[in-house]
Amino acid sequence: MQTKNVPIFDYHLANPLSMQFRCVEMDGKIIHKINNINEFYHEFGYTPDMMKAGVLPEEYIWDKYIQNSTYNFMICIQIRIIQYLIKHSEEYCEQCKIWLDTYLNESVAETCSHCGIKHVCE
């Protein structure tokens, strides 16, 4: 479920040869360059201990957010990207706060009540 009036965000960290590598997109338009990949992945709950244990960040995100089709964790991914942009994008910071509030008010009650990773949010 996509919340009305909130754009869809995506990120590109899988292919270093891509022109979009290290970028965040909003509705298909590049809006932000990720300077510190570790800080970006930290928003998703990925930790240095996971890195030391050999867990790759994209595998972690796949396992926790994407592969689990029981619940709609795509909303969680959107929330994590917005939280990152609030901290790291001067241009979109204030608008992202509004979008985050929209998600939290409209989507969380439906999604988070079943969430297996709620501890990451709190």
Protein backbone atom coordinates (compact mmCIF):
# COMPACT_ATOMS: atom_id res chain seq x y z
CA MET A 1 0.00 0.00 0.00
CA GLN A 2 1.39 3.38 -0.99
CA THR A 3 0.29 6.32 1.13
CA LYS A 4 -1.41 9.08 -0.82
CA ASN A 5 0.56 12.28 -1.38
CA VAL A 6 3.89 10.65 -0.49
CA PRO A 7 6.30 9.91 -3.33
CA ILE A 8 7.94 6.53 -3.79
CA PHE A 9 11.61 6.42 -2.83
CA ASP A 10 14.28 4.03 -4.04
CA TYR A 11 18.03 3.75 -3.60
CA HIS A 12 20.86 2.34 -5.70
CA LEU A 13 23.79 0.71 -3.93
CA ALA A 14 24.03 -2.69 -5.62
CA ASN A 15 25.83 -1.82 -8.86
CA PRO A 16 28.88 0.46 -8.61
CA LEU A 17 29.02 0.71 -12.41
CA SER A 18 25.57 2.28 -12.60
CA MET A 19 25.22 6.03 -13.09
CA GLN A 20 22.64 5.91 -10.28
CA PHE A 21 25.02 4.26 -7.79
CA ARG A 22 24.89 5.90 -4.33
CA CYS A 23 21.73 7.79 -5.26
CA VAL A 24 18.28 8.12 -3.73
CA GLU A 25 15.41 8.55 -6.16
CA MET A 26 12.02 10.09 -5.59
CA ASP A 27 9.41 8.96 -8.11
CA GLY A 28 12.23 8.00 -10.51
CA LYS A 29 14.17 11.28 -10.21
CA ILE A 30 17.57 11.37 -8.48
CA ILE A 31 17.33 13.74 -5.52
CA HIS A 32 20.24 12.83 -3.27
CA LYS A 33 23.76 11.41 -3.40
CA ILE A 34 24.60 9.03 -0.53
CA ASN A 35 27.95 10.16 0.86
CA ASN A 36 28.30 7.56 3.62
CA ILE A 37 26.87 4.16 2.74
CA ASN A 38 27.29 2.90 6.32
CA GLU A 39 25.10 5.70 7.67
CA PHE A 40 22.47 4.89 5.06
CA TYR A 41 22.40 1.19 5.94
CA HIS A 42 22.34 2.04 9.65
CA GLU A 43 18.87 3.55 9.12
CA PHE A 44 17.69 0.05 8.23
CA GLY A 45 19.12 -1.45 11.43
CA TYR A 46 22.33 -2.76 9.88
CA THR A 47 25.13 -2.62 12.45
CA PRO A 48 28.94 -2.84 12.51
CA ASP A 49 28.56 -6.15 14.37
CA MET A 50 26.61 -7.54 11.44
CA MET A 51 29.37 -6.36 9.12
CA LYS A 52 32.01 -8.06 11.30
CA ALA A 53 29.94 -11.26 11.22
CA GLY A 54 30.02 -11.19 7.42
CA VAL A 55 26.40 -10.21 6.84
CA LEU A 56 26.13 -8.09 3.71
CA PRO A 57 23.85 -5.04 4.03
CA GLU A 58 21.74 -5.87 0.97
CA GLU A 59 21.28 -9.45 2.20
CA TYR A 60 20.12 -8.08 5.56
CA ILE A 61 17.61 -5.74 3.89
CA TRP A 62 16.41 -8.54 1.62
CA ASP A 63 15.91 -10.93 4.55
CA LYS A 64 14.27 -8.43 6.90
CA TYR A 65 12.19 -6.27 4.57
CA ILE A 66 11.70 -7.74 1.12
CA GLN A 67 11.67 -11.53 1.32
CA ASN A 68 9.09 -11.58 4.12
CA SER A 69 5.91 -11.36 2.07
CA THR A 70 3.62 -11.94 5.06
CA TYR A 71 3.59 -8.22 5.84
CA ASN A 72 4.05 -5.07 3.80
CA PHE A 73 7.55 -4.08 4.85
CA MET A 74 7.91 -1.93 1.74
CA ILE A 75 6.39 0.79 3.89
CA CYS A 76 9.26 0.25 6.33
CA ILE A 77 11.77 0.72 3.53
CA GLN A 78 10.09 3.98 2.54
CA ILE A 79 10.15 5.16 6.15
CA ARG A 80 13.86 4.30 6.51
CA ILE A 81 14.77 6.21 3.35
CA ILE A 82 12.75 9.23 4.51
CA GLN A 83 14.45 9.10 7.94
CA TYR A 84 17.83 9.06 6.21
CA LEU A 85 16.87 12.06 4.05
CA ILE A 86 15.71 14.01 7.11
CA LYS A 87 19.21 13.68 8.52
CA HIS A 88 21.23 14.06 5.33
CA SER A 89 19.32 16.17 2.78
CA GLU A 90 19.06 19.87 3.42
CA GLU A 91 16.84 20.31 0.38
CA TYR A 92 14.24 17.70 1.35
CA CYS A 93 14.55 17.62 5.14
CA GLU A 94 11.43 19.61 6.02
CA GLN A 95 9.25 17.99 3.36
CA CYS A 96 10.45 14.55 4.47
CA LYS A 97 9.29 15.30 8.02
CA ILE A 98 5.79 15.90 6.63
CA TRP A 99 5.93 12.71 4.56
CA LEU A 100 7.17 10.74 7.57
CA ASP A 101 4.27 12.01 9.67
CA THR A 102 1.90 11.00 6.88
CA TYR A 103 3.30 7.47 6.85
CA LEU A 104 3.28 7.17 10.60
CA ASN A 105 -0.31 8.38 10.86
CA GLU A 106 -1.77 6.42 7.93
CA SER A 107 0.29 3.26 7.56
CA VAL A 108 1.90 2.25 10.80
CA ALA A 109 -1.15 1.12 12.71
CA GLU A 110 -1.98 -1.31 9.92
CA THR A 111 1.57 -2.53 9.29
CA CYS A 112 3.46 -2.27 12.57
CA SER A 113 1.00 -4.27 14.64
CA HIS A 114 2.32 -7.40 12.88
CA CYS A 115 5.92 -6.31 12.45
CA GLY A 116 8.73 -8.64 13.42
CA ILE A 117 11.33 -5.88 13.36
CA LYS A 118 9.46 -3.19 15.30
CA HIS A 119 12.42 -2.88 17.68
CA VAL A 120 14.36 -1.21 14.85
CA CYS A 121 11.82 1.63 14.75
CA GLU A 122 11.66 2.28 18.45
